[in-house]
């Protein structure tokens, strides 16, 4: 797979363009979302870890396909009977103007406990799309993307320094950039190495010192 890239998404709540990094963890998901006509029963279930961009990808897919794709976010909290009827409607060409259905769930399909047997069997037959953990290359791009979104200027080499010293998860990387931004503002200094180190220690504790 090539280097991580970014795709533009619809306008955010602040009115600015949002972007999501495409890398090892989600490239297969992005590819599958472009072709809902290939999904089994025209239904897919998108899951992934917290802060991994599931909802943003759902919005992006909705923008690509318009009314031919219905997106249900937070599906695991939806009424199961209603979801069952939505699944059946897709098979009858009744999803808005007929098309496909994307269900976005916080829990993985193994952790999504569905009480309604008919719905459980249908979800089990749908296409599972799961966002994984970012590798080093994607983690570096995520750091830069979060910094850009915050208007935070990071010197060259920041990602190379930070990636080996933080947890490889979407939520942890976002929290790290937020901590760097906060400490930089509190100190009224640029986000250089001393700020990176303070942010790492704040998030990971004194044991982080051995890596600093």
N, C-alpha and C. Protein backbone atom coordinates (compact mmCIF):
# COMPACT_ATOMS: atom_id res chain seq x y z
N UNK A 1 0.84 -1.18 0.00
CA UNK A 1 0.00 0.00 0.00
C UNK A 1 0.88 1.23 0.00
N UNK A 2 0.41 2.32 -0.66
CA UNK A 2 1.19 3.53 -0.75
C UNK A 2 1.16 4.33 0.54
N UNK A 3 1.75 5.53 0.45
CA UNK A 3 1.79 6.41 1.61
C UNK A 3 0.38 6.87 1.96
N UNK A 4 0.13 7.19 3.25
CA UNK A 4 -1.18 7.69 3.65
C UNK A 4 -1.53 8.96 2.87
N UNK A 5 -2.81 9.14 2.60
CA UNK A 5 -3.29 10.32 1.91
C UNK A 5 -4.45 10.91 2.70
N UNK A 6 -5.08 11.93 2.15
CA UNK A 6 -6.22 12.52 2.81
C UNK A 6 -7.34 12.71 1.81
N UNK A 7 -8.59 12.58 2.28
CA UNK A 7 -9.73 12.87 1.44
C UNK A 7 -10.54 13.98 2.10
N UNK A 8 -11.08 14.85 1.28
CA UNK A 8 -11.89 15.95 1.80
C UNK A 8 -13.29 15.46 2.10
N UNK A 9 -13.87 16.03 3.14
CA UNK A 9 -15.22 15.68 3.55
C UNK A 9 -16.10 16.92 3.52
N UNK A 10 -17.40 16.77 3.66
CA UNK A 10 -18.29 17.93 3.67
C UNK A 10 -17.94 18.91 4.78
N UNK A 11 -18.60 20.05 4.77
CA UNK A 11 -18.28 21.11 5.72
C UNK A 11 -18.49 20.66 7.15
N UNK A 12 -17.61 21.09 8.03
CA UNK A 12 -17.73 20.79 9.45
C UNK A 12 -18.68 21.77 10.10
N UNK A 13 -18.88 21.60 11.42
CA UNK A 13 -19.75 22.50 12.16
C UNK A 13 -19.19 23.92 12.17
N UNK A 14 -17.87 24.05 12.03
CA UNK A 14 -17.25 25.37 12.01
C UNK A 14 -17.25 25.98 10.61
N UNK A 15 -17.71 25.21 9.64
CA UNK A 15 -17.76 25.74 8.29
C UNK A 15 -16.51 25.50 7.48
N UNK A 16 -15.54 24.79 8.02
CA UNK A 16 -14.31 24.53 7.28
C UNK A 16 -14.30 23.11 6.77
N UNK A 17 -13.52 22.87 5.75
CA UNK A 17 -13.44 21.52 5.18
C UNK A 17 -12.75 20.59 6.15
N UNK A 18 -13.34 19.42 6.37
CA UNK A 18 -12.73 18.40 7.21
C UNK A 18 -12.01 17.39 6.32
N UNK A 19 -10.93 16.84 6.85
CA UNK A 19 -10.18 15.84 6.10
C UNK A 19 -9.94 14.64 7.01
N UNK A 20 -9.85 13.48 6.38
CA UNK A 20 -9.53 12.29 7.13
C UNK A 20 -8.37 11.59 6.46
N UNK A 21 -7.44 11.14 7.27
CA UNK A 21 -6.27 10.46 6.74
C UNK A 21 -6.66 9.05 6.30
N UNK A 22 -6.21 8.68 5.12
CA UNK A 22 -6.44 7.33 4.60
C UNK A 22 -5.11 6.59 4.65
N UNK A 23 -5.08 5.51 5.39
CA UNK A 23 -3.85 4.73 5.53
C UNK A 23 -4.15 3.27 5.72
N UNK A 24 -3.22 2.56 6.34
CA UNK A 24 -3.37 1.12 6.48
C UNK A 24 -4.65 0.71 7.21
N UNK A 25 -5.08 1.54 8.17
CA UNK A 25 -6.20 1.16 9.04
C UNK A 25 -7.55 1.25 8.35
N UNK A 26 -7.66 2.08 7.32
CA UNK A 26 -8.98 2.32 6.75
C UNK A 26 -9.03 2.32 5.22
N UNK A 27 -7.92 2.03 4.56
CA UNK A 27 -7.91 2.09 3.09
C UNK A 27 -8.91 1.12 2.48
N UNK A 28 -9.00 -0.08 3.04
CA UNK A 28 -9.95 -1.07 2.50
C UNK A 28 -11.39 -0.61 2.71
N UNK A 29 -11.64 0.06 3.84
CA UNK A 29 -12.98 0.60 4.11
C UNK A 29 -13.33 1.67 3.08
N UNK A 30 -12.40 2.59 2.85
CA UNK A 30 -12.64 3.67 1.89
C UNK A 30 -12.94 3.09 0.51
N UNK A 31 -12.19 2.07 0.12
CA UNK A 31 -12.42 1.44 -1.18
C UNK A 31 -13.81 0.82 -1.25
N UNK A 32 -14.19 0.11 -0.20
CA UNK A 32 -15.49 -0.56 -0.20
C UNK A 32 -16.65 0.43 -0.21
N UNK A 33 -16.48 1.56 0.47
CA UNK A 33 -17.55 2.55 0.54
C UNK A 33 -17.84 3.20 -0.81
N UNK A 34 -16.92 3.08 -1.74
CA UNK A 34 -17.12 3.65 -3.06
C UNK A 34 -17.97 2.76 -3.97
N UNK A 35 -18.22 1.53 -3.54
CA UNK A 35 -18.95 0.59 -4.41
C UNK A 35 -20.01 -0.17 -3.64
N UNK A 36 -21.06 0.51 -3.13
CA UNK A 36 -22.10 -0.20 -2.37
C UNK A 36 -22.87 -1.22 -3.20
N UNK A 37 -22.80 -1.11 -4.52
CA UNK A 37 -23.49 -2.10 -5.35
C UNK A 37 -22.84 -3.47 -5.23
N UNK A 38 -21.64 -3.54 -4.67
CA UNK A 38 -20.95 -4.81 -4.48
C UNK A 38 -21.17 -5.41 -3.09
N UNK A 39 -21.86 -4.70 -2.21
CA UNK A 39 -22.06 -5.21 -0.86
C UNK A 39 -23.06 -6.36 -0.86
N UNK A 40 -22.83 -7.41 -0.09
CA UNK A 40 -23.85 -8.46 0.05
C UNK A 40 -25.17 -7.87 0.56
N UNK A 41 -26.25 -8.14 -0.15
CA UNK A 41 -27.57 -7.61 0.22
C UNK A 41 -27.60 -6.09 0.22
N UNK A 42 -26.56 -5.45 -0.33
CA UNK A 42 -26.47 -3.98 -0.41
C UNK A 42 -26.46 -3.32 0.98
N UNK A 43 -25.93 -4.05 1.95
CA UNK A 43 -25.83 -3.54 3.33
C UNK A 43 -24.42 -3.77 3.85
N UNK A 44 -23.86 -2.75 4.51
CA UNK A 44 -22.54 -2.87 5.14
C UNK A 44 -22.63 -2.36 6.56
N UNK A 45 -21.77 -2.92 7.43
CA UNK A 45 -21.70 -2.50 8.83
C UNK A 45 -20.28 -2.00 9.08
N UNK A 46 -20.17 -0.71 9.39
CA UNK A 46 -18.87 -0.08 9.62
C UNK A 46 -18.62 0.04 11.12
N UNK A 47 -17.52 -0.55 11.58
CA UNK A 47 -17.14 -0.46 12.99
C UNK A 47 -15.68 -0.01 13.08
N UNK A 48 -15.27 0.35 14.28
CA UNK A 48 -13.89 0.77 14.49
C UNK A 48 -13.72 1.38 15.85
N UNK A 49 -12.47 1.63 16.24
CA UNK A 49 -12.20 2.17 17.57
C UNK A 49 -12.66 3.62 17.71
N UNK A 50 -12.75 4.12 18.94
CA UNK A 50 -13.16 5.51 19.15
C UNK A 50 -12.27 6.49 18.40
N UNK A 51 -12.89 7.55 17.88
CA UNK A 51 -12.21 8.67 17.21
C UNK A 51 -11.53 8.25 15.91
N UNK A 52 -11.95 7.13 15.33
CA UNK A 52 -11.31 6.64 14.11
C UNK A 52 -11.93 7.17 12.83
N UNK A 53 -12.93 8.05 12.95
CA UNK A 53 -13.50 8.68 11.76
C UNK A 53 -14.64 7.93 11.13
N UNK A 54 -15.32 7.08 11.88
CA UNK A 54 -16.42 6.31 11.31
C UNK A 54 -17.53 7.22 10.79
N UNK A 55 -17.93 8.17 11.61
CA UNK A 55 -19.02 9.08 11.21
C UNK A 55 -18.60 9.95 10.04
N UNK A 56 -17.36 10.40 10.03
CA UNK A 56 -16.87 11.22 8.93
C UNK A 56 -16.88 10.43 7.62
N UNK A 57 -16.46 9.17 7.69
CA UNK A 57 -16.50 8.34 6.50
C UNK A 57 -17.93 8.10 6.03
N UNK A 58 -18.84 7.97 7.00
CA UNK A 58 -20.25 7.84 6.63
C UNK A 58 -20.76 9.07 5.90
N UNK A 59 -20.37 10.24 6.36
CA UNK A 59 -20.77 11.49 5.69
C UNK A 59 -20.15 11.57 4.30
N UNK A 60 -18.90 11.15 4.20
CA UNK A 60 -18.23 11.16 2.90
C UNK A 60 -18.94 10.23 1.92
N UNK A 61 -19.28 9.03 2.39
CA UNK A 61 -19.98 8.07 1.53
C UNK A 61 -21.35 8.61 1.13
N UNK A 62 -22.03 9.26 2.07
CA UNK A 62 -23.33 9.86 1.76
C UNK A 62 -23.18 10.92 0.68
N UNK A 63 -22.11 11.71 0.78
CA UNK A 63 -21.86 12.72 -0.24
C UNK A 63 -21.58 12.13 -1.60
N UNK A 64 -20.94 10.97 -1.62
CA UNK A 64 -20.64 10.30 -2.90
C UNK A 64 -21.90 9.77 -3.57
N UNK A 65 -22.78 9.18 -2.77
CA UNK A 65 -23.87 8.40 -3.34
C UNK A 65 -25.24 9.06 -3.20
N UNK A 66 -25.34 10.12 -2.42
CA UNK A 66 -26.60 10.83 -2.30
C UNK A 66 -27.72 9.96 -1.76
N UNK A 67 -28.91 10.09 -2.36
CA UNK A 67 -30.08 9.40 -1.84
C UNK A 67 -30.09 7.91 -2.14
N UNK A 68 -29.10 7.43 -2.87
CA UNK A 68 -29.05 5.98 -3.11
C UNK A 68 -28.40 5.24 -1.95
N UNK A 69 -27.86 6.00 -0.98
CA UNK A 69 -27.27 5.37 0.21
C UNK A 69 -27.89 5.97 1.45
N UNK A 70 -28.42 5.12 2.31
CA UNK A 70 -28.91 5.55 3.62
C UNK A 70 -27.85 5.19 4.66
N UNK A 71 -27.50 6.16 5.50
CA UNK A 71 -26.50 5.95 6.54
C UNK A 71 -27.17 6.06 7.90
N UNK A 72 -26.98 5.04 8.72
CA UNK A 72 -27.51 5.05 10.09
C UNK A 72 -26.31 5.04 11.04
N UNK A 73 -26.05 6.17 11.68
CA UNK A 73 -24.95 6.25 12.63
C UNK A 73 -25.43 5.78 14.01
N UNK A 74 -24.46 5.33 14.81
CA UNK A 74 -24.78 4.85 16.16
C UNK A 74 -25.85 3.75 16.10
N UNK A 75 -25.68 2.86 15.14
CA UNK A 75 -26.72 1.87 14.85
C UNK A 75 -26.98 0.95 16.04
N UNK A 76 -25.95 0.70 16.86
CA UNK A 76 -26.15 -0.23 17.98
C UNK A 76 -27.11 0.33 19.01
N UNK A 77 -27.39 1.64 18.96
CA UNK A 77 -28.34 2.26 19.89
C UNK A 77 -29.72 2.46 19.25
N UNK A 78 -29.87 2.05 18.00
CA UNK A 78 -31.14 2.24 17.29
C UNK A 78 -32.14 1.16 17.66
N UNK A 79 -33.39 1.43 17.41
CA UNK A 79 -34.44 0.45 17.64
C UNK A 79 -34.23 -0.74 16.69
N UNK A 80 -34.16 -1.93 17.23
CA UNK A 80 -33.83 -3.10 16.43
C UNK A 80 -34.92 -3.43 15.41
N UNK A 81 -36.15 -3.24 15.78
CA UNK A 81 -37.23 -3.51 14.83
C UNK A 81 -37.16 -2.55 13.65
N UNK A 82 -36.86 -1.28 13.93
CA UNK A 82 -36.72 -0.30 12.86
C UNK A 82 -35.56 -0.65 11.93
N UNK A 83 -34.45 -1.10 12.51
CA UNK A 83 -33.32 -1.51 11.68
C UNK A 83 -33.67 -2.72 10.82
N UNK A 84 -34.43 -3.64 11.40
CA UNK A 84 -34.86 -4.83 10.66
C UNK A 84 -35.68 -4.42 9.44
N UNK A 85 -36.59 -3.46 9.63
CA UNK A 85 -37.42 -3.01 8.52
C UNK A 85 -36.58 -2.25 7.48
N UNK A 86 -35.59 -1.51 7.95
CA UNK A 86 -34.71 -0.80 7.00
C UNK A 86 -33.93 -1.80 6.15
N UNK A 87 -33.42 -2.85 6.80
CA UNK A 87 -32.68 -3.88 6.06
C UNK A 87 -33.58 -4.49 4.98
N UNK A 88 -34.81 -4.82 5.34
CA UNK A 88 -35.73 -5.41 4.38
C UNK A 88 -36.09 -4.44 3.27
N UNK A 89 -36.20 -3.15 3.61
CA UNK A 89 -36.56 -2.15 2.61
C UNK A 89 -35.51 -2.06 1.51
N UNK A 90 -34.24 -2.23 1.90
CA UNK A 90 -33.17 -2.20 0.89
C UNK A 90 -33.36 -3.32 -0.12
N UNK A 91 -33.75 -4.50 0.36
CA UNK A 91 -33.92 -5.63 -0.53
C UNK A 91 -35.07 -5.40 -1.52
N UNK A 92 -35.98 -4.53 -1.13
CA UNK A 92 -37.14 -4.23 -1.98
C UNK A 92 -36.97 -2.92 -2.74
N UNK A 93 -35.75 -2.37 -2.68
CA UNK A 93 -35.51 -1.10 -3.37
C UNK A 93 -36.18 0.07 -2.69
N UNK A 94 -36.36 -0.04 -1.36
CA UNK A 94 -37.11 1.00 -0.67
C UNK A 94 -36.30 1.92 0.21
N UNK A 95 -34.96 1.90 0.10
CA UNK A 95 -34.15 2.82 0.89
C UNK A 95 -34.11 4.16 0.18
N UNK A 96 -34.93 5.08 0.66
CA UNK A 96 -35.08 6.37 0.00
C UNK A 96 -35.45 6.12 -1.47
N UNK A 97 -34.51 6.25 -2.38
CA UNK A 97 -34.80 6.00 -3.79
C UNK A 97 -34.28 4.64 -4.23
N UNK A 98 -34.08 3.75 -3.27
CA UNK A 98 -33.54 2.43 -3.60
C UNK A 98 -32.03 2.50 -3.65
N UNK A 99 -31.37 1.51 -3.09
CA UNK A 99 -29.92 1.53 -3.12
C UNK A 99 -29.32 0.67 -2.04
N UNK A 100 -28.60 1.31 -1.12
CA UNK A 100 -27.82 0.57 -0.13
C UNK A 100 -28.00 1.20 1.25
N UNK A 101 -27.56 0.44 2.25
CA UNK A 101 -27.69 0.85 3.64
C UNK A 101 -26.35 0.66 4.33
N UNK A 102 -25.85 1.72 4.97
CA UNK A 102 -24.62 1.65 5.75
C UNK A 102 -24.96 1.86 7.22
N UNK A 103 -24.65 0.86 8.03
CA UNK A 103 -24.85 0.95 9.47
C UNK A 103 -23.50 1.21 10.13
N UNK A 104 -23.42 2.24 10.96
CA UNK A 104 -22.19 2.58 11.67
C UNK A 104 -22.40 2.29 13.14
N UNK A 105 -21.52 1.45 13.70
CA UNK A 105 -21.68 1.03 15.10
C UNK A 105 -20.39 1.23 15.85
N UNK A 106 -20.51 1.63 17.11
CA UNK A 106 -19.32 1.83 17.95
C UNK A 106 -18.65 0.52 18.27
N UNK A 107 -19.44 -0.49 18.55
CA UNK A 107 -18.88 -1.80 18.91
C UNK A 107 -18.62 -2.61 17.66
N UNK A 108 -17.63 -3.50 17.72
CA UNK A 108 -17.40 -4.42 16.62
C UNK A 108 -18.57 -5.37 16.49
N UNK A 109 -18.67 -6.04 15.34
CA UNK A 109 -19.80 -6.93 15.14
C UNK A 109 -19.82 -8.04 16.19
N UNK A 110 -18.64 -8.41 16.73
CA UNK A 110 -18.61 -9.43 17.77
C UNK A 110 -19.12 -8.88 19.10
N UNK A 111 -19.03 -7.55 19.30
CA UNK A 111 -19.46 -6.95 20.55
C UNK A 111 -20.83 -6.30 20.48
N UNK A 112 -21.44 -6.32 19.30
CA UNK A 112 -22.77 -5.73 19.13
C UNK A 112 -23.79 -6.82 19.43
N UNK A 113 -24.37 -6.76 20.60
CA UNK A 113 -25.30 -7.79 21.04
C UNK A 113 -26.72 -7.43 20.56
N UNK A 114 -27.20 -8.16 19.59
CA UNK A 114 -28.51 -7.89 18.99
C UNK A 114 -29.50 -8.90 19.53
N UNK A 115 -30.54 -8.38 20.16
CA UNK A 115 -31.53 -9.26 20.80
C UNK A 115 -32.50 -9.88 19.80
N UNK A 116 -32.78 -9.16 18.72
CA UNK A 116 -33.77 -9.62 17.74
C UNK A 116 -33.12 -10.63 16.80
N UNK A 117 -33.50 -11.90 16.86
CA UNK A 117 -32.82 -12.94 16.06
C UNK A 117 -32.84 -12.65 14.57
N UNK A 118 -33.96 -12.18 14.02
CA UNK A 118 -34.04 -11.92 12.59
C UNK A 118 -33.07 -10.83 12.17
N UNK A 119 -32.92 -9.80 13.01
CA UNK A 119 -31.96 -8.73 12.70
C UNK A 119 -30.54 -9.26 12.81
N UNK A 120 -30.26 -10.05 13.84
CA UNK A 120 -28.91 -10.58 14.02
C UNK A 120 -28.48 -11.40 12.82
N UNK A 121 -29.36 -12.21 12.28
CA UNK A 121 -29.00 -13.04 11.13
C UNK A 121 -28.75 -12.19 9.90
N UNK A 122 -29.49 -11.12 9.74
CA UNK A 122 -29.31 -10.25 8.58
C UNK A 122 -28.05 -9.41 8.70
N UNK A 123 -27.77 -8.93 9.89
CA UNK A 123 -26.53 -8.19 10.10
C UNK A 123 -25.34 -9.12 9.86
N UNK A 124 -25.47 -10.35 10.27
CA UNK A 124 -24.40 -11.31 10.06
C UNK A 124 -24.11 -11.58 8.60
N UNK A 125 -25.10 -11.38 7.74
CA UNK A 125 -24.91 -11.59 6.32
C UNK A 125 -24.49 -10.35 5.56
N UNK A 126 -24.39 -9.23 6.24
CA UNK A 126 -23.99 -7.98 5.60
C UNK A 126 -22.48 -7.89 5.52
N UNK A 127 -21.98 -6.91 4.77
CA UNK A 127 -20.54 -6.75 4.61
C UNK A 127 -19.94 -6.09 5.84
N UNK A 128 -19.02 -6.74 6.56
CA UNK A 128 -18.37 -6.10 7.71
C UNK A 128 -17.21 -5.23 7.23
N UNK A 129 -17.21 -3.97 7.66
CA UNK A 129 -16.13 -3.05 7.36
C UNK A 129 -15.57 -2.56 8.70
N UNK A 130 -14.31 -2.86 8.95
CA UNK A 130 -13.73 -2.52 10.26
C UNK A 130 -12.47 -1.69 10.10
N UNK A 131 -12.43 -0.56 10.80
CA UNK A 131 -11.23 0.27 10.83
C UNK A 131 -10.28 -0.32 11.87
N UNK A 132 -9.04 -0.52 11.49
CA UNK A 132 -8.06 -1.11 12.39
C UNK A 132 -7.23 -0.08 13.12
N UNK A 133 -6.06 -0.47 13.57
CA UNK A 133 -5.15 0.43 14.28
C UNK A 133 -4.17 1.05 13.28
N UNK A 134 -3.83 2.32 13.45
CA UNK A 134 -2.91 2.96 12.52
C UNK A 134 -1.48 2.46 12.69
N UNK A 135 -0.76 2.29 11.57
CA UNK A 135 0.65 1.98 11.66
C UNK A 135 1.45 3.28 11.83
N UNK A 136 2.77 3.18 11.85
CA UNK A 136 3.60 4.36 12.10
C UNK A 136 3.36 5.45 11.07
N UNK A 137 3.29 5.06 9.79
CA UNK A 137 3.12 6.07 8.74
C UNK A 137 1.80 6.81 8.90
N UNK A 138 0.75 6.06 9.18
CA UNK A 138 -0.56 6.70 9.34
C UNK A 138 -0.61 7.53 10.62
N UNK A 139 0.00 7.02 11.69
CA UNK A 139 0.03 7.78 12.94
C UNK A 139 0.70 9.13 12.74
N UNK A 140 1.80 9.15 11.98
CA UNK A 140 2.46 10.41 11.69
C UNK A 140 1.58 11.37 10.93
N UNK A 141 0.85 10.85 9.93
CA UNK A 141 -0.05 11.71 9.17
C UNK A 141 -1.22 12.20 10.02
N UNK A 142 -1.69 11.35 10.95
CA UNK A 142 -2.77 11.77 11.84
C UNK A 142 -2.32 12.92 12.74
N UNK A 143 -1.09 12.84 13.25
CA UNK A 143 -0.56 13.93 14.08
C UNK A 143 -0.57 15.24 13.30
N UNK A 144 -0.08 15.19 12.08
CA UNK A 144 -0.02 16.41 11.27
C UNK A 144 -1.42 16.91 10.91
N UNK A 145 -2.35 16.00 10.64
CA UNK A 145 -3.70 16.39 10.28
C UNK A 145 -4.42 17.05 11.46
N UNK A 146 -4.26 16.48 12.66
CA UNK A 146 -4.90 17.07 13.83
C UNK A 146 -4.29 18.43 14.14
N UNK A 147 -2.98 18.56 13.97
CA UNK A 147 -2.33 19.84 14.20
C UNK A 147 -2.84 20.89 13.21
N UNK A 148 -2.96 20.49 11.95
CA UNK A 148 -3.47 21.41 10.93
C UNK A 148 -4.88 21.87 11.26
N UNK A 149 -5.72 20.93 11.70
CA UNK A 149 -7.10 21.27 12.03
C UNK A 149 -7.18 22.28 13.18
N UNK A 150 -6.19 22.24 14.08
CA UNK A 150 -6.17 23.15 15.21
C UNK A 150 -5.43 24.46 14.91
N UNK A 151 -4.85 24.54 13.73
CA UNK A 151 -4.02 25.70 13.43
C UNK A 151 -2.73 25.69 14.22
N UNK A 152 -2.26 24.50 14.58
CA UNK A 152 -1.05 24.33 15.38
C UNK A 152 0.13 24.05 14.46
N UNK A 153 1.15 24.86 14.56
CA UNK A 153 2.34 24.69 13.73
C UNK A 153 3.33 23.77 14.43
N UNK A 154 3.66 22.65 13.78
CA UNK A 154 4.63 21.71 14.31
C UNK A 154 5.89 21.75 13.44
N UNK A 155 7.07 21.89 14.05
CA UNK A 155 8.30 21.90 13.26
C UNK A 155 8.53 20.57 12.55
N UNK A 156 9.35 20.61 11.52
CA UNK A 156 9.70 19.39 10.81
C UNK A 156 10.33 18.39 11.77
N UNK A 157 9.96 17.15 11.64
CA UNK A 157 10.49 16.11 12.51
C UNK A 157 9.62 15.82 13.72
N UNK A 158 8.56 16.59 13.91
CA UNK A 158 7.70 16.37 15.07
C UNK A 158 7.08 14.98 15.06
N UNK A 159 6.52 14.59 13.92
CA UNK A 159 5.87 13.29 13.85
C UNK A 159 6.87 12.15 14.07
N UNK A 160 8.07 12.30 13.50
CA UNK A 160 9.09 11.25 13.68
C UNK A 160 9.46 11.08 15.15
N UNK A 161 9.45 12.17 15.90
CA UNK A 161 9.77 12.10 17.32
C UNK A 161 8.60 11.54 18.13
N UNK A 162 7.40 11.96 17.79
CA UNK A 162 6.24 11.64 18.63
C UNK A 162 5.70 10.23 18.40
N UNK A 163 5.72 9.76 17.17
CA UNK A 163 5.09 8.47 16.87
C UNK A 163 5.63 7.32 17.71
N UNK A 164 6.96 7.16 17.87
CA UNK A 164 7.44 6.03 18.68
C UNK A 164 7.14 6.16 20.17
N UNK A 165 6.71 7.33 20.58
CA UNK A 165 6.56 7.59 22.00
C UNK A 165 5.11 7.68 22.47
N UNK A 166 4.18 7.41 21.59
CA UNK A 166 2.78 7.48 21.98
C UNK A 166 2.05 6.20 21.60
N UNK A 167 0.88 6.02 22.15
CA UNK A 167 0.07 4.83 21.88
C UNK A 167 -0.49 4.88 20.46
N UNK A 168 -0.45 3.76 19.75
CA UNK A 168 -0.98 3.70 18.38
C UNK A 168 -2.49 3.52 18.42
N UNK A 169 -3.18 4.57 18.70
CA UNK A 169 -4.64 4.55 18.61
C UNK A 169 -5.11 5.92 18.16
N UNK A 170 -6.24 5.95 17.50
CA UNK A 170 -6.77 7.22 17.01
C UNK A 170 -7.03 8.19 18.16
N UNK A 171 -7.63 7.68 19.23
CA UNK A 171 -7.97 8.54 20.36
C UNK A 171 -6.71 9.08 21.04
N UNK A 172 -5.70 8.23 21.21
CA UNK A 172 -4.47 8.66 21.88
C UNK A 172 -3.73 9.71 21.06
N UNK A 173 -3.70 9.53 19.76
CA UNK A 173 -3.01 10.50 18.90
C UNK A 173 -3.73 11.84 18.92
N UNK A 174 -5.04 11.81 18.88
CA UNK A 174 -5.80 13.06 18.96
C UNK A 174 -5.57 13.75 20.30
N UNK A 175 -5.55 12.95 21.39
CA UNK A 175 -5.32 13.52 22.71
C UNK A 175 -3.92 14.12 22.82
N UNK A 176 -2.94 13.49 22.20
CA UNK A 176 -1.57 14.01 22.24
C UNK A 176 -1.48 15.38 21.57
N UNK A 177 -2.06 15.51 20.40
CA UNK A 177 -2.01 16.80 19.70
C UNK A 177 -2.77 17.86 20.50
N UNK A 178 -3.89 17.48 21.11
CA UNK A 178 -4.63 18.43 21.94
C UNK A 178 -3.78 18.89 23.12
N UNK A 179 -3.03 17.96 23.74
CA UNK A 179 -2.18 18.32 24.87
C UNK A 179 -1.04 19.24 24.43
N UNK A 180 -0.44 18.95 23.28
CA UNK A 180 0.61 19.83 22.76
C UNK A 180 0.07 21.23 22.52
N UNK A 181 -1.10 21.31 21.92
CA UNK A 181 -1.72 22.61 21.65
C UNK A 181 -1.99 23.36 22.95
N UNK A 182 -2.56 22.65 23.93
CA UNK A 182 -2.89 23.30 25.21
C UNK A 182 -1.64 23.80 25.91
N UNK A 183 -0.61 22.98 26.00
CA UNK A 183 0.61 23.37 26.70
C UNK A 183 1.31 24.52 25.98
N UNK A 184 1.31 24.48 24.66
CA UNK A 184 1.90 25.56 23.89
C UNK A 184 1.20 26.88 24.17
N UNK A 185 -0.12 26.83 24.24
CA UNK A 185 -0.89 28.05 24.53
C UNK A 185 -0.66 28.53 25.96
N UNK A 186 -0.63 27.57 26.90
CA UNK A 186 -0.41 27.94 28.30
C UNK A 186 0.95 28.59 28.49
N UNK A 187 1.95 28.08 27.83
CA UNK A 187 3.31 28.61 27.97
C UNK A 187 3.58 29.80 27.05
N UNK A 188 2.66 29.97 26.10
CA UNK A 188 2.82 31.03 25.11
C UNK A 188 4.16 30.88 24.37
N UNK A 189 4.45 29.65 24.01
CA UNK A 189 5.67 29.35 23.27
C UNK A 189 5.33 28.46 22.09
N UNK A 190 6.16 28.42 21.05
CA UNK A 190 5.92 27.51 19.93
C UNK A 190 5.94 26.06 20.40
N UNK A 191 5.29 25.20 19.63
CA UNK A 191 5.19 23.78 19.98
C UNK A 191 6.46 23.06 19.55
N UNK A 192 7.54 23.29 20.29
CA UNK A 192 8.81 22.64 20.01
C UNK A 192 9.00 21.44 20.95
N UNK A 193 10.20 20.86 20.96
CA UNK A 193 10.42 19.60 21.66
C UNK A 193 10.09 19.65 23.14
N UNK A 194 10.38 20.75 23.80
CA UNK A 194 10.08 20.82 25.23
C UNK A 194 8.58 20.70 25.48
N UNK A 195 7.79 21.25 24.58
CA UNK A 195 6.33 21.13 24.69
C UNK A 195 5.89 19.71 24.37
N UNK A 196 6.48 19.10 23.35
CA UNK A 196 6.13 17.70 23.02
C UNK A 196 6.39 16.81 24.22
N UNK A 197 7.53 17.01 24.85
CA UNK A 197 7.91 16.16 25.98
C UNK A 197 6.96 16.36 27.16
N UNK A 198 6.57 17.60 27.40
CA UNK A 198 5.63 17.86 28.48
C UNK A 198 4.28 17.21 28.20
N UNK A 199 3.85 17.23 26.93
CA UNK A 199 2.57 16.61 26.57
C UNK A 199 2.64 15.09 26.73
N UNK A 200 3.75 14.51 26.30
CA UNK A 200 3.91 13.06 26.45
C UNK A 200 3.91 12.65 27.92
N UNK A 201 4.59 13.41 28.75
CA UNK A 201 4.63 13.08 30.18
C UNK A 201 3.26 13.26 30.81
N UNK A 202 2.52 14.30 30.37
CA UNK A 202 1.18 14.53 30.92
C UNK A 202 0.24 13.38 30.59
N UNK A 203 0.42 12.79 29.41
CA UNK A 203 -0.47 11.71 28.99
C UNK A 203 -0.03 10.34 29.46
N UNK A 204 1.28 10.11 29.49
CA UNK A 204 1.80 8.77 29.73
C UNK A 204 2.48 8.61 31.09
N UNK A 205 2.68 9.72 31.80
CA UNK A 205 3.27 9.63 33.13
C UNK A 205 4.80 9.69 33.12
N UNK A 206 5.41 9.70 34.31
CA UNK A 206 6.87 9.83 34.45
C UNK A 206 7.64 8.72 33.74
N UNK A 207 7.04 7.52 33.58
CA UNK A 207 7.78 6.44 32.94
C UNK A 207 8.15 6.78 31.51
N UNK A 208 7.45 7.77 30.94
CA UNK A 208 7.76 8.20 29.59
C UNK A 208 9.15 8.81 29.50
N UNK A 209 9.69 9.24 30.63
CA UNK A 209 10.98 9.90 30.65
C UNK A 209 12.08 9.04 30.03
N UNK A 210 11.98 7.73 30.17
CA UNK A 210 13.05 6.89 29.64
C UNK A 210 13.12 6.92 28.11
N UNK A 211 12.04 7.37 27.49
CA UNK A 211 12.03 7.48 26.04
C UNK A 211 12.35 8.89 25.56
N UNK A 212 12.33 9.84 26.48
CA UNK A 212 12.47 11.22 26.05
C UNK A 212 13.92 11.58 25.75
